[in-house]
Protein backbone atom coordinates (compact mmCIF):
# COMPACT_ATOMS: atom_id res chain seq x y z
CA MET A 1 -13.19 129.88 120.29
CA ALA A 2 -9.66 128.65 120.88
CA THR A 3 -8.64 127.81 124.42
CA LYS A 4 -6.24 130.38 125.80
CA LYS A 5 -3.50 129.46 128.24
CA GLY A 6 -2.78 132.85 129.75
CA SER A 7 -4.66 135.68 131.37
CA GLY A 8 -2.84 138.57 129.69
CA LEU A 9 -2.48 140.08 126.25
CA LEU A 10 -0.01 142.61 124.94
CA MET A 11 -1.18 144.30 121.75
CA VAL A 12 1.11 146.57 119.76
CA TRP A 13 -0.06 148.68 116.82
CA ALA A 14 2.52 150.20 114.50
CA GLU A 15 2.72 152.18 111.31
CA VAL A 16 5.90 151.46 109.37
CA PRO A 17 6.98 153.63 106.43
CA ALA A 18 6.56 151.75 103.13
CA ASP A 19 10.26 151.96 102.31
CA LYS A 20 11.12 150.27 105.64
CA GLU A 21 8.51 147.48 105.47
CA PRO A 22 10.71 144.77 103.87
CA GLY A 23 13.34 145.17 106.61
CA PHE A 24 10.71 145.43 109.33
CA ASN A 25 8.97 142.24 108.19
CA ARG A 26 12.24 140.33 107.95
CA TRP A 27 13.33 141.51 111.43
CA TYR A 28 9.96 140.69 112.94
CA ASN A 29 9.76 137.20 111.42
CA GLU A 30 13.41 136.20 111.85
CA GLU A 31 14.38 137.77 115.18
CA HIS A 32 11.69 139.58 117.12
CA VAL A 33 9.10 136.83 117.58
CA ALA A 34 11.70 134.27 118.71
CA GLU A 35 13.22 136.81 121.10
CA ARG A 36 9.85 137.55 122.70
CA LEU A 37 8.78 133.90 122.90
CA ALA A 38 12.06 133.10 124.68
CA VAL A 39 10.95 135.34 127.58
CA PRO A 40 9.28 133.21 130.26
CA GLY A 41 5.57 133.95 130.32
CA PHE A 42 5.23 134.88 126.63
CA LEU A 43 3.04 132.04 125.36
CA ASN A 44 2.45 132.86 121.71
CA ALA A 45 2.43 135.65 119.16
CA ALA A 46 0.36 136.56 116.11
CA ARG A 47 0.55 139.33 113.54
CA TYR A 48 -2.23 141.05 111.67
CA GLU A 49 -2.48 143.69 108.95
CA ALA A 50 -5.31 146.18 108.80
CA VAL A 51 -7.62 145.76 105.83
CA LYS A 52 -9.28 149.09 106.58
CA GLY A 53 -8.08 151.96 108.75
CA GLY A 54 -4.85 151.79 110.63
CA PRO A 55 -2.23 151.57 111.92
CA LYS A 56 -1.37 148.86 109.42
CA HIS A 57 0.41 146.42 111.75
CA LEU A 58 -0.92 144.73 114.89
CA ALA A 59 1.01 142.21 116.98
CA VAL A 60 -0.78 140.26 119.70
CA TYR A 61 1.17 138.40 122.36
CA GLU A 62 -0.54 136.01 124.76
CA LEU A 63 0.99 136.22 128.23
CA GLU A 64 0.71 134.04 131.31
CA SER A 65 -0.34 137.29 132.99
CA PRO A 66 0.27 141.01 132.53
CA ALA A 67 2.95 140.73 135.26
CA VAL A 68 5.26 139.17 132.64
CA LEU A 69 5.89 142.71 131.36
CA ASP A 70 7.39 143.61 134.76
CA SER A 71 9.62 140.54 134.92
CA PRO A 72 13.42 140.83 135.03
CA ALA A 73 13.68 138.69 131.88
CA TYR A 74 11.45 141.01 129.84
CA LYS A 75 13.10 144.13 131.22
CA GLN A 76 16.49 142.65 130.23
CA VAL A 77 15.33 142.20 126.64
CA LEU A 78 13.94 145.75 126.49
CA ALA A 79 17.09 147.25 127.97
CA ASN A 80 19.41 145.44 125.53
CA PRO A 81 18.03 145.75 122.00
CA THR A 82 20.00 144.02 119.28
CA PRO A 83 21.50 146.12 116.49
CA TRP A 84 18.77 144.80 114.18
CA THR A 85 16.08 145.84 116.67
CA LYS A 86 17.59 149.31 116.89
CA ARG A 87 17.32 149.65 113.10
CA CYS A 88 13.94 148.01 112.46
CA SER A 89 11.73 148.30 115.53
CA PRO A 90 8.60 150.38 114.98
CA THR A 91 9.82 152.68 117.76
CA SER A 92 12.64 153.70 115.44
CA SER A 93 10.66 153.86 112.21
CA GLY A 94 7.17 155.21 112.86
CA PRO A 95 4.27 155.76 115.26
CA ARG A 96 3.49 152.96 117.72
CA SER A 97 0.96 152.33 120.47
CA SER A 98 0.29 149.43 122.79
CA ALA A 99 -2.22 148.07 125.29
CA THR A 100 -1.93 145.43 127.98
CA CYS A 101 -5.11 143.55 128.87
CA THR A 102 -6.21 140.92 131.35
CA ARG A 103 -9.24 138.70 131.64
């Protein structure tokens, strides 16, 4: 098993309508990951697609700790979405759920 650096995980599941997937994938790969990893305490990110069941998309972010999600830097990013985020985020295009975990 790979050595983990942090004690927290943020997992986000999303279902994106098929007609919005190309834009969603481009936004995620070109803007969203870099934006999240620029927040102090976000250590890495990975994406997965369901091979059975759903939702189809899962993003996993390793965090220094779950407290990162209460940090001023993260709250600033959430409060100021880019125009691209407003158009392509799963919150604007389909159902979404998330979980924060610690070890």
